[in-house]
Amino acid sequence: MFDGLKEKLGRFREDVEEEAVEEADADAAAVADEERTEATDADAEAAAERDGRERPDEPDADAEEATDEGKGEGQGLAQRARLFATGKAIIEEEELEEPLEELELSLLQGDVEMSVAGEITDRLREELVGQTRAQVQTGHHMVERAIGDALRDVIGVGQFDFDARIAEADKPVTIIFTGVNGVGKTTTIAKMARYLEERGYSTVLANGDTYRAGANEQIEEHAEALGKKIITHEQGGDPAAVIYDAVEYAKAHDVDVVLGDTAGRLHTSKDLMAQLGKIDRVVDPDMTLFVDEAVAGQDATNRAKQFNEAAEIDGVVLTKADADSQGGAAVSIAHVTGKPILFLGVGQGYDDLERFDPDEIVRRVVGEDAA
C-alpha cells in the first residue's frame, strides 16, 4: 500500500530539487557577473587615480535597487547573488508552481480526493516558499520533511489511541461496525476479537445483520473458530434488540467488549440508516466504526463522508489495504470526515489487522528523515 503515493511524492521532491539546482546555477552565474563587474570597476578606479582623473561616478543605490526589483517578483538579482555568495539560497514560489501542479494532478489520478490534494499542495507551498537553506546542502532533507509534515497533517486528523480508550472505558465497551455490503465488516469483527483477545480483553459477538440470508452462519463460523460467544436472533429480527441482548449478556458475564455487526447498507437506504439511529438510541455504543475497502478509492471516501453525516462515526477500518497500491482513500478519508483511520486490514487471517499509525505511514511513504 501507498506505493503510488510514494512514487508521486518522490517525483515532486526530485522536481523541486532539480529546480533548486537550476536556480543555484543561475545564482552562481550572477555572483560571477557581479564579481567581474566589481573587478572592472576597481581597475577603472585604480587607473583613474594613477592618471589623476576623477573617480567614476558611484552607482545610485536607489537605481540599483530599482533595477533589482525590475527583474521580476520575488528577490532581486543582487539579493540572490549576495545570498548565494554567503552560502544561502531562497526557494521562490515560481520554481514550485510547475512541480506542485504536476503533484496535484498525480494525486487526483491516484484516487486522492480533490480538496485533499489541494490541501497537500497548499501546505507544501506554505512550507517551502521563502525557506533559506545552506547552499552546500542539496535541499533533499528539507523538502522531505516538508512533504512528511504535509502528509502527516492530512492523514493524522482526529487520531486517538484506540487501545487507551478501550482500557479507560467502563466495561462492557460496545463497538458497532457499519458500512456497505461486501466490504468485509464481519471478517473485520472477527479480526478485532482476536486483536482484543491478544491484549487481554474478552469479547462477545452480536449479529445485528438480521436481514441478509446466511449472515448468522457467517458470523457463527468466525465465532466458533475463535472460541467466542455469539448472540443472534431469527432472520428479520430487530438489529437493535440483538445488540442490546449482547450488551446485557456482557454485563451478566463480565465480558469486556461487545462487537456488533450491522446490515450492509447504502447511504441512500433510509430504512437501514434509520436502523443505525435506533441502535444508537437503544444501545448508545461507545464507538461506531465505518468499514470499507481501501481499493474502493474515491468511492470509499464519498461513502465515509455520507455515512458520517447520516450516523456519526468515530473511526474507520480499511480492508484490502494489501491490495491497494495507491493509498488515495487512506489519505483522503480522515481529512474529509474529520474522523481517523484506526486500522488497516492487510490479509484474510485473523491476525491481519494493523493499527494505522500516521508517523509510520509517513516513514513508509517519505522516508525516515520525515518522521
Protein backbone atom coordinates (compact mmCIF):
# COMPACT_ATOMS: atom_id res chain seq x y z
CA MET A 1 0.00 0.00 0.00
CA PHE A 2 0.99 3.62 -0.65
CA ASP A 3 3.45 2.67 -3.41
CA GLY A 4 1.68 5.02 -5.83
CA LEU A 5 1.68 7.87 -3.33
CA LYS A 6 5.33 7.27 -2.53
CA GLU A 7 6.21 7.48 -6.22
CA LYS A 8 4.23 10.70 -6.73
CA LEU A 9 5.70 12.48 -3.72
CA GLY A 10 9.18 11.26 -4.59
CA ARG A 11 8.82 12.67 -8.09
CA PHE A 12 7.74 16.02 -6.64
CA ARG A 13 10.79 16.08 -4.37
CA GLU A 14 13.08 15.38 -7.32
CA ASP A 15 11.42 18.13 -9.37
CA VAL A 16 11.85 20.67 -6.57
CA GLU A 17 15.49 19.71 -6.10
CA GLU A 18 16.10 20.00 -9.83
CA GLU A 19 14.56 23.46 -9.87
CA ALA A 20 16.70 24.43 -6.88
CA VAL A 21 19.85 23.28 -8.66
CA GLU A 22 18.94 25.32 -11.74
CA GLU A 23 18.33 28.38 -9.57
CA ALA A 24 21.63 27.78 -7.78
CA ASP A 25 23.41 27.71 -11.16
CA ALA A 26 21.72 30.99 -12.07
CA ASP A 27 22.80 32.48 -8.74
CA ALA A 28 26.35 31.31 -9.30
CA ALA A 29 26.38 32.98 -12.68
CA ALA A 30 25.01 36.17 -11.10
CA VAL A 31 27.77 36.12 -8.49
CA ALA A 32 30.38 35.65 -11.20
CA ASP A 33 28.94 38.57 -13.19
CA GLU A 34 28.89 40.78 -10.11
CA GLU A 35 32.45 39.86 -9.26
CA ARG A 36 33.57 40.66 -12.81
CA THR A 37 31.74 43.99 -12.66
CA GLU A 38 33.34 44.84 -9.34
CA ALA A 39 36.77 43.90 -10.68
CA THR A 40 36.26 46.07 -13.77
CA ASP A 41 35.12 49.00 -11.63
CA ALA A 42 38.13 48.55 -9.35
CA ASP A 43 40.50 48.54 -12.34
CA ALA A 44 38.88 51.67 -13.73
CA GLU A 45 39.12 53.39 -10.36
CA ALA A 46 42.78 52.47 -9.97
CA ALA A 47 43.58 53.68 -13.46
CA ALA A 48 41.77 56.94 -12.82
CA GLU A 49 43.78 57.55 -9.66
CA ARG A 50 47.05 56.87 -11.49
CA ASP A 51 46.14 59.30 -14.24
CA GLY A 52 44.92 61.92 -11.79
CA ARG A 53 41.45 61.72 -13.28
CA GLU A 54 38.22 61.93 -11.35
CA ARG A 55 36.83 58.65 -10.00
CA PRO A 56 33.87 57.21 -11.89
CA ASP A 57 30.51 58.18 -10.51
CA GLU A 58 29.24 55.81 -7.83
CA PRO A 59 26.08 53.98 -8.91
CA ASP A 60 22.93 55.33 -7.35
CA ALA A 61 21.71 52.94 -4.62
CA ASP A 62 18.07 53.63 -5.38
CA ALA A 63 18.64 52.97 -9.05
CA GLU A 64 20.40 49.68 -8.26
CA GLU A 65 17.52 48.60 -6.03
CA ALA A 66 15.02 49.53 -8.71
CA THR A 67 16.98 47.53 -11.24
CA ASP A 68 16.87 44.50 -8.98
CA GLU A 69 13.15 44.90 -8.41
CA GLY A 70 12.59 45.22 -12.10
CA LYS A 71 13.88 41.75 -12.68
CA GLY A 72 10.56 40.29 -11.58
CA GLU A 73 8.68 39.45 -8.45
CA GLY A 74 10.50 37.86 -5.53
CA GLN A 75 14.07 38.53 -4.57
CA GLY A 76 16.19 40.77 -6.75
CA LEU A 77 19.21 39.52 -8.64
CA ALA A 78 21.70 41.29 -6.38
CA GLN A 79 19.99 39.95 -3.26
CA ARG A 80 20.07 36.41 -4.65
CA ALA A 81 23.68 36.83 -5.59
CA ARG A 82 24.55 38.03 -2.09
CA LEU A 83 22.69 35.08 -0.53
CA PHE A 84 24.48 32.65 -2.79
CA ALA A 85 27.83 34.24 -2.00
CA THR A 86 27.21 33.70 1.71
CA GLY A 87 26.24 30.06 1.16
CA LYS A 88 22.47 30.51 1.26
CA ALA A 89 19.61 30.37 -1.21
CA ILE A 90 15.88 31.05 -1.09
CA ILE A 91 13.20 28.87 -2.65
CA GLU A 92 10.79 31.06 -4.60
CA GLU A 93 7.16 30.35 -5.44
CA GLU A 94 7.82 30.42 -9.17
CA GLU A 95 10.12 27.42 -9.03
CA LEU A 96 7.48 25.42 -7.14
CA GLU A 97 4.43 26.12 -9.27
CA GLU A 98 5.05 23.58 -12.01
CA PRO A 99 6.08 20.74 -9.65
CA LEU A 100 3.07 21.48 -7.41
CA GLU A 101 0.65 21.46 -10.33
CA GLU A 102 2.03 18.14 -11.53
CA LEU A 103 1.84 16.74 -8.00
CA GLU A 104 -1.80 17.77 -7.56
CA LEU A 105 -2.74 16.14 -10.86
CA SER A 106 -0.88 12.97 -9.91
CA LEU A 107 -2.63 12.83 -6.54
CA LEU A 108 -6.03 13.14 -8.21
CA GLN A 109 -5.11 10.31 -10.56
CA GLY A 110 -4.16 8.26 -7.50
CA ASP A 111 -7.68 8.48 -6.00
CA VAL A 112 -6.86 11.32 -3.61
CA GLU A 113 -9.95 13.49 -3.15
CA MET A 114 -9.71 16.93 -4.80
CA SER A 115 -9.87 19.04 -1.65
CA VAL A 116 -7.25 16.80 -0.02
CA ALA A 117 -4.89 17.07 -2.98
CA GLY A 118 -5.27 20.84 -2.81
CA GLU A 119 -4.62 20.83 0.93
CA ILE A 120 -1.39 18.87 0.49
CA THR A 121 -0.05 21.15 -2.24
CA ASP A 122 -1.07 24.31 -0.37
CA ARG A 123 0.75 23.13 2.75
CA LEU A 124 3.85 22.29 0.72
CA ARG A 125 3.80 25.72 -0.89
CA GLU A 126 3.45 27.41 2.50
CA GLU A 127 6.21 25.27 3.99
CA LEU A 128 8.77 25.68 1.20
CA VAL A 129 8.35 29.16 -0.28
CA GLY A 130 10.82 31.60 1.24
CA GLN A 131 12.84 28.94 3.01
CA THR A 132 16.54 29.71 3.31
CA ARG A 133 18.92 26.78 3.32
CA ALA A 134 22.67 26.30 3.30
CA GLN A 135 23.74 26.22 -0.33
CA VAL A 136 26.07 23.30 0.35
CA GLN A 137 23.00 21.13 1.07
CA THR A 138 21.02 19.54 -1.72
CA GLY A 139 17.72 20.53 -0.16
CA HIS A 140 16.73 16.86 -0.05
CA HIS A 141 16.08 16.68 3.70
CA MET A 142 14.24 19.99 3.83
CA VAL A 143 11.86 19.00 1.02
CA GLU A 144 11.44 15.55 2.53
CA ARG A 145 10.47 16.99 5.89
CA ALA A 146 8.03 19.41 4.25
CA ILE A 147 6.34 16.53 2.41
CA GLY A 148 6.22 14.49 5.61
CA ASP A 149 4.66 17.35 7.59
CA ALA A 150 2.02 17.99 4.91
CA LEU A 151 1.11 14.31 4.67
CA ARG A 152 1.01 13.84 8.45
CA ASP A 153 -1.27 16.86 8.88
CA VAL A 154 -3.73 15.40 6.37
CA ILE A 155 -3.84 11.74 7.46
CA GLY A 156 -3.48 12.37 11.18
CA VAL A 157 -6.76 14.24 11.59
CA GLY A 158 -8.74 13.12 14.64
CA GLN A 159 -6.32 10.39 15.67
CA PHE A 160 -6.78 8.90 19.11
CA ASP A 161 -5.27 5.99 20.99
CA PHE A 162 -7.72 3.13 20.41
CA ASP A 163 -6.08 0.84 22.95
CA ALA A 164 -6.08 3.54 25.62
CA ARG A 165 -9.74 4.32 25.01
CA ILE A 166 -10.68 0.65 25.44
CA ALA A 167 -8.58 0.40 28.60
CA GLU A 168 -10.08 3.51 30.20
CA ALA A 169 -13.74 2.96 29.27
CA ASP A 170 -16.29 1.44 31.61
CA LYS A 171 -16.97 -2.19 30.75
CA PRO A 172 -18.55 -3.57 28.73
CA VAL A 173 -17.38 -1.42 25.81
CA THR A 174 -19.77 -1.60 22.85
CA ILE A 175 -18.36 -1.18 19.34
CA ILE A 176 -20.67 -1.12 16.30
CA PHE A 177 -19.40 -1.82 12.77
CA THR A 178 -21.17 -0.33 9.77
CA GLY A 179 -20.64 0.11 6.04
CA VAL A 180 -21.90 -1.09 2.66
CA ASN A 181 -22.40 -4.69 1.57
CA GLY A 182 -19.44 -6.94 0.89
CA VAL A 183 -16.58 -4.80 2.24
CA GLY A 184 -15.53 -7.21 4.99
CA LYS A 185 -17.35 -5.97 8.12
CA THR A 186 -17.95 -9.44 9.55
CA THR A 187 -14.38 -10.58 8.95
CA THR A 188 -13.14 -7.32 10.47
CA ILE A 189 -15.20 -8.03 13.60
CA ALA A 190 -13.53 -11.44 13.87
CA LYS A 191 -10.11 -9.83 13.46
CA MET A 192 -10.97 -7.25 16.13
CA ALA A 193 -11.98 -10.05 18.51
CA ARG A 194 -8.53 -11.61 18.03
CA TYR A 195 -6.82 -8.20 18.37
CA LEU A 196 -8.58 -7.54 21.68
CA GLU A 197 -8.01 -11.08 22.94
CA GLU A 198 -4.27 -10.65 22.43
CA ARG A 199 -4.48 -7.58 24.67
CA GLY A 200 -6.29 -9.42 27.43
CA TYR A 201 -9.92 -8.49 26.71
CA SER A 202 -12.86 -10.88 26.50
CA THR A 203 -15.42 -10.30 23.74
CA VAL A 204 -18.91 -11.32 22.68
CA LEU A 205 -20.12 -11.03 19.07
CA ALA A 206 -23.58 -9.79 18.13
CA ASN A 207 -25.17 -10.30 14.72
CA GLY A 208 -27.19 -7.18 14.02
CA ASP A 209 -27.21 -8.12 10.32
CA THR A 210 -30.61 -9.77 10.67
CA TYR A 211 -31.86 -9.42 7.08
CA ARG A 212 -29.12 -10.98 4.97
CA ALA A 213 -29.51 -14.68 4.28
CA GLY A 214 -26.55 -16.58 5.68
CA ALA A 215 -25.40 -13.75 7.94
CA ASN A 216 -25.91 -15.79 11.10
CA GLU A 217 -23.98 -18.71 9.66
CA GLN A 218 -21.10 -16.50 8.58
CA ILE A 219 -20.54 -14.84 11.95
CA GLU A 220 -21.18 -18.13 13.78
CA GLU A 221 -18.38 -19.72 11.78
CA HIS A 222 -15.98 -16.99 12.89
CA ALA A 223 -17.16 -17.24 16.49
CA GLU A 224 -16.58 -20.99 16.53
CA ALA A 225 -13.10 -20.64 15.02
CA LEU A 226 -12.18 -18.05 17.65
CA GLY A 227 -13.95 -19.72 20.56
CA LYS A 228 -16.23 -16.70 21.11
CA LYS A 229 -19.81 -16.40 22.35
CA ILE A 230 -22.26 -15.05 19.79
CA ILE A 231 -25.71 -13.52 20.25
CA THR A 232 -28.13 -13.90 17.32
CA HIS A 233 -31.88 -13.63 16.63
CA GLU A 234 -34.01 -15.11 13.91
CA GLN A 235 -33.60 -13.68 10.42
CA GLY A 236 -35.65 -10.49 10.07
CA GLY A 237 -35.40 -9.60 13.76
CA ASP A 238 -34.68 -6.18 15.24
CA PRO A 239 -30.93 -5.39 14.99
CA ALA A 240 -31.08 -3.05 17.98
CA ALA A 241 -32.63 -5.81 20.09
CA VAL A 242 -29.85 -8.25 19.17
CA ILE A 243 -27.09 -5.86 20.18
CA TYR A 244 -28.98 -4.86 23.32
CA ASP A 245 -29.15 -8.54 24.33
CA ALA A 246 -25.40 -8.87 23.70
CA VAL A 247 -24.72 -5.91 25.98
CA GLU A 248 -26.89 -7.46 28.70
CA TYR A 249 -25.06 -10.76 28.30
CA ALA A 250 -21.71 -8.97 28.61
CA LYS A 251 -22.83 -7.25 31.81
CA ALA A 252 -24.03 -10.51 33.32
CA HIS A 253 -20.89 -12.47 32.42
CA ASP A 254 -18.21 -9.78 32.93
CA VAL A 255 -17.31 -9.63 29.23
CA ASP A 256 -15.16 -6.64 28.35
CA VAL A 257 -16.20 -5.76 24.80
CA VAL A 258 -19.32 -6.23 22.64
CA LEU A 259 -18.65 -6.30 18.89
CA GLY A 260 -21.84 -5.63 16.94
CA ASP A 261 -22.33 -6.34 13.25
CA THR A 262 -24.94 -4.43 11.23
CA ALA A 263 -26.56 -4.93 7.85
CA GLY A 264 -24.61 -3.70 4.86
CA ARG A 265 -26.34 -0.57 3.75
CA LEU A 266 -26.15 2.22 1.25
CA HIS A 267 -26.31 5.79 2.44
CA THR A 268 -29.39 6.18 0.20
CA SER A 269 -31.32 3.50 2.13
CA LYS A 270 -33.39 5.47 4.62
CA ASP A 271 -34.72 2.37 6.39
CA LEU A 272 -31.25 0.95 7.00
CA MET A 273 -29.92 4.32 8.10
CA ALA A 274 -32.86 4.58 10.49
CA GLN A 275 -31.75 1.26 11.98
CA LEU A 276 -28.39 2.79 12.83
CA GLY A 277 -30.19 5.64 14.55
CA LYS A 278 -32.27 3.17 16.57
CA ILE A 279 -29.16 1.23 17.61
CA ASP A 280 -27.64 4.50 18.81
CA ARG A 281 -30.73 5.27 20.88
CA VAL A 282 -31.22 1.77 22.31
CA VAL A 283 -27.61 0.72 22.90
CA ASP A 284 -25.69 4.03 22.98
CA PRO A 285 -22.49 2.41 21.66
CA ASP A 286 -19.12 3.63 22.85
CA MET A 287 -17.72 3.58 19.34
CA THR A 288 -19.06 3.25 15.79
CA LEU A 289 -16.52 2.18 13.17
CA PHE A 290 -17.06 2.55 9.44
CA VAL A 291 -15.61 -0.28 7.34
CA ASP A 292 -14.79 -0.03 3.64
CA GLU A 293 -12.26 -1.29 1.13
CA ALA A 294 -9.07 0.65 0.53
CA VAL A 295 -9.26 -0.36 -3.12
CA ALA A 296 -12.58 1.50 -3.45
CA GLY A 297 -10.61 4.76 -3.67
CA GLN A 298 -12.81 7.82 -4.19
CA ASP A 299 -15.96 5.74 -3.61
CA ALA A 300 -14.73 4.82 -0.13
CA THR A 301 -14.06 8.48 0.61
CA ASN A 302 -17.51 9.55 -0.55
CA ARG A 303 -19.25 6.78 1.38
CA ALA A 304 -17.33 7.57 4.57
CA LYS A 305 -18.42 11.19 4.32
CA GLN A 306 -22.05 10.25 3.71
CA PHE A 307 -22.18 7.66 6.50
CA ASN A 308 -20.64 10.14 8.91
CA GLU A 309 -23.32 12.66 8.01
CA ALA A 310 -26.12 10.10 8.39
CA ALA A 311 -24.91 8.40 11.58
CA GLU A 312 -21.80 9.88 13.14
CA ILE A 313 -18.81 7.55 13.08
CA ASP A 314 -15.82 7.55 15.41
CA GLY A 315 -13.23 5.99 13.13
CA VAL A 316 -12.55 3.95 10.01
CA VAL A 317 -11.22 0.49 9.20
CA LEU A 318 -9.96 0.00 5.63
CA THR A 319 -9.93 -3.58 4.40
CA LYS A 320 -7.86 -4.98 1.49
CA ALA A 321 -5.14 -2.44 2.19
CA ASP A 322 -2.60 -5.02 1.00
CA ALA A 323 -4.23 -4.91 -2.46
CA ASP A 324 -4.25 -1.11 -2.74
CA SER A 325 -1.11 0.33 -4.30
CA GLN A 326 -2.33 3.94 -4.36
CA GLY A 327 -3.43 4.77 -0.82
CA GLY A 328 -5.75 7.55 -2.02
CA ALA A 329 -8.66 6.52 0.21
CA ALA A 330 -6.46 6.32 3.30
CA VAL A 331 -5.07 9.77 2.60
CA SER A 332 -8.50 11.31 1.94
CA ILE A 333 -10.99 9.82 4.40
CA ALA A 334 -9.60 11.29 7.61
CA HIS A 335 -9.39 14.77 6.11
CA VAL A 336 -12.85 14.67 4.52
CA THR A 337 -14.70 13.26 7.56
CA GLY A 338 -12.52 14.62 10.34
CA LYS A 339 -12.53 11.06 11.74
CA PRO A 340 -9.38 8.95 11.94
CA ILE A 341 -8.42 5.79 10.13
CA LEU A 342 -7.75 3.40 13.02
CA PHE A 343 -6.98 0.05 11.39
CA LEU A 344 -5.94 -1.50 8.09
CA GLY A 345 -6.95 -5.00 7.04
CA VAL A 346 -3.92 -6.48 5.33
CA GLY A 347 -4.94 -10.09 4.64
CA GLN A 348 -7.51 -12.80 5.26
CA GLY A 349 -6.12 -14.18 8.52
CA TYR A 350 -7.44 -13.22 11.94
CA ASP A 351 -4.09 -11.63 12.77
CA ASP A 352 -4.11 -9.45 9.63
CA LEU A 353 -5.29 -6.26 11.30
CA GLU A 354 -2.79 -3.41 11.70
CA ARG A 355 -3.09 -0.20 13.68
CA PHE A 356 -2.98 2.84 11.41
CA ASP A 357 -0.07 4.95 12.62
CA PRO A 358 0.32 8.28 10.74
CA ASP A 359 4.01 8.54 11.70
CA GLU A 360 4.68 5.03 10.39
CA ILE A 361 2.84 5.82 7.16
CA VAL A 362 4.96 8.96 6.71
CA ARG A 363 8.13 6.94 7.25
CA ARG A 364 6.94 4.35 4.76
CA VAL A 365 5.95 6.87 2.09
CA VAL A 366 8.51 9.66 2.52
CA GLY A 367 11.45 8.30 4.48
CA GLU A 368 12.97 8.18 7.96
CA ASP A 369 14.05 11.82 7.88
CA ALA A 370 10.44 12.98 7.51
CA ALA A 371 9.15 11.14 10.58
